[in-house]
Amino acid sequence: MAKLSKGDHVQWRTSQGPTSGRIERIVEGTTTVGGTKLKGSKDEPIYIVKSDKTGKRAGHKADALRKKSS
């Protein structure tokens, strides 16, 4: 898997199909996004992404994200 960084354009799957967005933050501790408490670590950080379509933010682990080619 490609290394993910802040600003990367990524894609992930939802129940409505694939969607894409940009990584805004990488969290190695605890945070809350959209009312959901998320816990990341140095070995397994949480990537906070902003959806291109809706502008909403969500947290994902690296294995749920795929880097989009430019």
N, C-alpha and C. Protein backbone atom coordinates (compact mmCIF):
# COMPACT_ATOMS: atom_id res chain seq x y z
N MET A 1 0.83 -1.17 0.00
CA MET A 1 0.00 0.00 0.00
C MET A 1 0.88 1.24 0.00
N ALA A 2 0.44 2.25 -0.74
CA ALA A 2 1.19 3.50 -0.81
C ALA A 2 1.07 4.25 0.52
N LYS A 3 2.12 4.96 0.89
CA LYS A 3 2.10 5.76 2.11
C LYS A 3 1.14 6.92 1.91
N LEU A 4 0.28 7.15 2.90
CA LEU A 4 -0.70 8.22 2.82
C LEU A 4 -0.21 9.43 3.61
N SER A 5 -0.46 10.63 3.08
CA SER A 5 -0.03 11.87 3.71
C SER A 5 -1.15 12.90 3.67
N LYS A 6 -1.04 13.90 4.52
CA LYS A 6 -2.00 15.00 4.53
C LYS A 6 -2.03 15.62 3.13
N GLY A 7 -3.23 15.88 2.62
CA GLY A 7 -3.39 16.48 1.30
C GLY A 7 -3.58 15.48 0.18
N ASP A 8 -3.32 14.19 0.44
CA ASP A 8 -3.49 13.17 -0.60
C ASP A 8 -4.96 13.03 -0.98
N HIS A 9 -5.21 12.82 -2.26
CA HIS A 9 -6.56 12.55 -2.76
C HIS A 9 -6.75 11.04 -2.70
N VAL A 10 -7.78 10.60 -1.96
CA VAL A 10 -8.00 9.18 -1.73
C VAL A 10 -9.43 8.79 -2.09
N GLN A 11 -9.64 7.49 -2.22
CA GLN A 11 -10.96 6.94 -2.52
C GLN A 11 -11.27 5.85 -1.50
N TRP A 12 -12.56 5.70 -1.16
CA TRP A 12 -13.00 4.64 -0.26
C TRP A 12 -14.39 4.22 -0.66
N ARG A 13 -14.80 3.07 -0.15
CA ARG A 13 -16.11 2.53 -0.49
C ARG A 13 -17.13 2.89 0.58
N THR A 14 -18.35 3.20 0.11
CA THR A 14 -19.48 3.43 1.01
C THR A 14 -20.62 2.53 0.54
N SER A 15 -21.69 2.49 1.29
CA SER A 15 -22.84 1.68 0.88
C SER A 15 -23.47 2.22 -0.40
N GLN A 16 -23.22 3.49 -0.73
CA GLN A 16 -23.74 4.08 -1.96
C GLN A 16 -22.76 3.94 -3.14
N GLY A 17 -21.60 3.36 -2.89
CA GLY A 17 -20.59 3.19 -3.93
C GLY A 17 -19.32 3.94 -3.56
N PRO A 18 -18.35 3.95 -4.47
CA PRO A 18 -17.07 4.61 -4.16
C PRO A 18 -17.23 6.12 -4.05
N THR A 19 -16.45 6.71 -3.17
CA THR A 19 -16.42 8.17 -3.03
C THR A 19 -14.97 8.59 -2.82
N SER A 20 -14.72 9.88 -2.94
CA SER A 20 -13.34 10.35 -2.82
C SER A 20 -13.28 11.64 -2.02
N GLY A 21 -12.08 11.97 -1.59
CA GLY A 21 -11.85 13.18 -0.82
C GLY A 21 -10.38 13.36 -0.55
N ARG A 22 -10.07 14.35 0.28
CA ARG A 22 -8.68 14.66 0.62
C ARG A 22 -8.43 14.44 2.10
N ILE A 23 -7.24 13.94 2.40
CA ILE A 23 -6.85 13.75 3.80
C ILE A 23 -6.54 15.12 4.40
N GLU A 24 -7.25 15.45 5.49
CA GLU A 24 -7.04 16.74 6.17
C GLU A 24 -6.13 16.62 7.38
N ARG A 25 -6.23 15.48 8.08
CA ARG A 25 -5.43 15.28 9.30
C ARG A 25 -5.11 13.81 9.46
N ILE A 26 -4.04 13.54 10.17
CA ILE A 26 -3.68 12.17 10.54
C ILE A 26 -3.61 12.16 12.06
N VAL A 27 -4.44 11.32 12.69
CA VAL A 27 -4.59 11.33 14.15
C VAL A 27 -3.98 10.06 14.75
N GLU A 28 -3.08 10.24 15.70
CA GLU A 28 -2.45 9.11 16.40
C GLU A 28 -2.94 9.02 17.84
N GLY A 29 -4.01 9.73 18.15
CA GLY A 29 -4.59 9.72 19.49
C GLY A 29 -6.10 9.57 19.38
N THR A 30 -6.82 10.23 20.27
CA THR A 30 -8.27 10.17 20.27
C THR A 30 -8.84 11.46 19.71
N THR A 31 -9.89 11.37 18.91
CA THR A 31 -10.57 12.53 18.35
C THR A 31 -12.04 12.20 18.16
N THR A 32 -12.84 13.21 17.91
CA THR A 32 -14.25 13.03 17.61
C THR A 32 -14.55 13.66 16.26
N VAL A 33 -15.20 12.90 15.39
CA VAL A 33 -15.58 13.39 14.07
C VAL A 33 -17.05 13.05 13.86
N GLY A 34 -17.86 14.08 13.62
CA GLY A 34 -19.29 13.86 13.40
C GLY A 34 -19.98 13.16 14.54
N GLY A 35 -19.53 13.41 15.76
CA GLY A 35 -20.14 12.80 16.94
C GLY A 35 -19.64 11.40 17.26
N THR A 36 -18.72 10.88 16.45
CA THR A 36 -18.16 9.55 16.67
C THR A 36 -16.75 9.67 17.23
N LYS A 37 -16.49 9.02 18.35
CA LYS A 37 -15.16 9.04 18.96
C LYS A 37 -14.28 8.01 18.26
N LEU A 38 -13.12 8.45 17.82
CA LEU A 38 -12.18 7.59 17.09
C LEU A 38 -10.85 7.54 17.83
N LYS A 39 -10.21 6.39 17.79
CA LYS A 39 -8.92 6.24 18.48
C LYS A 39 -7.90 5.67 17.51
N GLY A 40 -6.85 6.45 17.27
CA GLY A 40 -5.76 6.00 16.43
C GLY A 40 -4.52 5.79 17.28
N SER A 41 -3.48 5.27 16.65
CA SER A 41 -2.21 5.08 17.33
C SER A 41 -1.09 5.33 16.33
N LYS A 42 0.14 5.32 16.82
CA LYS A 42 1.28 5.53 15.92
C LYS A 42 1.34 4.41 14.87
N ASP A 43 1.04 3.18 15.28
CA ASP A 43 1.07 2.05 14.35
C ASP A 43 -0.15 1.98 13.44
N GLU A 44 -1.28 2.51 13.91
CA GLU A 44 -2.53 2.46 13.15
C GLU A 44 -3.28 3.79 13.29
N PRO A 45 -2.80 4.84 12.58
CA PRO A 45 -3.44 6.15 12.71
C PRO A 45 -4.82 6.18 12.04
N ILE A 46 -5.59 7.19 12.41
CA ILE A 46 -6.88 7.46 11.78
C ILE A 46 -6.67 8.62 10.81
N TYR A 47 -7.17 8.47 9.59
CA TYR A 47 -7.06 9.51 8.58
C TYR A 47 -8.40 10.24 8.50
N ILE A 48 -8.38 11.55 8.76
CA ILE A 48 -9.59 12.35 8.67
C ILE A 48 -9.66 12.89 7.25
N VAL A 49 -10.71 12.49 6.54
CA VAL A 49 -10.86 12.89 5.13
C VAL A 49 -12.11 13.74 4.96
N LYS A 50 -12.05 14.67 4.01
CA LYS A 50 -13.19 15.51 3.68
C LYS A 50 -13.69 15.08 2.31
N SER A 51 -14.96 14.69 2.26
CA SER A 51 -15.56 14.20 1.02
C SER A 51 -15.61 15.29 -0.04
N ASP A 52 -15.22 14.95 -1.27
CA ASP A 52 -15.31 15.89 -2.39
C ASP A 52 -16.76 16.25 -2.69
N LYS A 53 -17.64 15.28 -2.55
CA LYS A 53 -19.04 15.46 -2.94
C LYS A 53 -19.86 16.22 -1.89
N THR A 54 -19.75 15.83 -0.62
CA THR A 54 -20.60 16.40 0.42
C THR A 54 -19.90 17.41 1.32
N GLY A 55 -18.58 17.38 1.36
CA GLY A 55 -17.84 18.26 2.26
C GLY A 55 -17.80 17.78 3.69
N LYS A 56 -18.44 16.65 3.97
CA LYS A 56 -18.44 16.10 5.33
C LYS A 56 -17.11 15.42 5.62
N ARG A 57 -16.78 15.35 6.91
CA ARG A 57 -15.53 14.71 7.35
C ARG A 57 -15.83 13.36 7.96
N ALA A 58 -14.91 12.44 7.76
CA ALA A 58 -15.02 11.10 8.33
C ALA A 58 -13.63 10.59 8.64
N GLY A 59 -13.54 9.65 9.56
CA GLY A 59 -12.27 9.04 9.92
C GLY A 59 -12.19 7.63 9.38
N HIS A 60 -11.04 7.29 8.80
CA HIS A 60 -10.83 5.96 8.23
C HIS A 60 -9.44 5.45 8.60
N LYS A 61 -9.32 4.15 8.68
CA LYS A 61 -8.00 3.53 8.83
C LYS A 61 -7.39 3.39 7.44
N ALA A 62 -6.10 3.22 7.38
CA ALA A 62 -5.37 3.17 6.11
C ALA A 62 -5.87 2.07 5.18
N ASP A 63 -6.26 0.92 5.73
CA ASP A 63 -6.68 -0.18 4.86
C ASP A 63 -8.01 0.08 4.16
N ALA A 64 -8.75 1.11 4.58
CA ALA A 64 -10.02 1.46 3.93
C ALA A 64 -9.82 2.48 2.80
N LEU A 65 -8.63 3.07 2.71
CA LEU A 65 -8.37 4.12 1.74
C LEU A 65 -7.44 3.65 0.64
N ARG A 66 -7.68 4.19 -0.56
CA ARG A 66 -6.82 3.91 -1.70
C ARG A 66 -6.43 5.25 -2.32
N LYS A 67 -5.14 5.46 -2.49
CA LYS A 67 -4.64 6.71 -3.06
C LYS A 67 -5.05 6.79 -4.53
N LYS A 68 -5.65 7.93 -4.92
CA LYS A 68 -6.06 8.13 -6.31
C LYS A 68 -4.88 8.68 -7.10
N SER A 69 -4.75 8.24 -8.33
CA SER A 69 -3.69 8.78 -9.18
C SER A 69 -4.13 10.14 -9.70
N SER A 70 -3.17 11.02 -9.84
CA SER A 70 -3.47 12.41 -10.25
C SER A 70 -3.74 12.50 -11.72
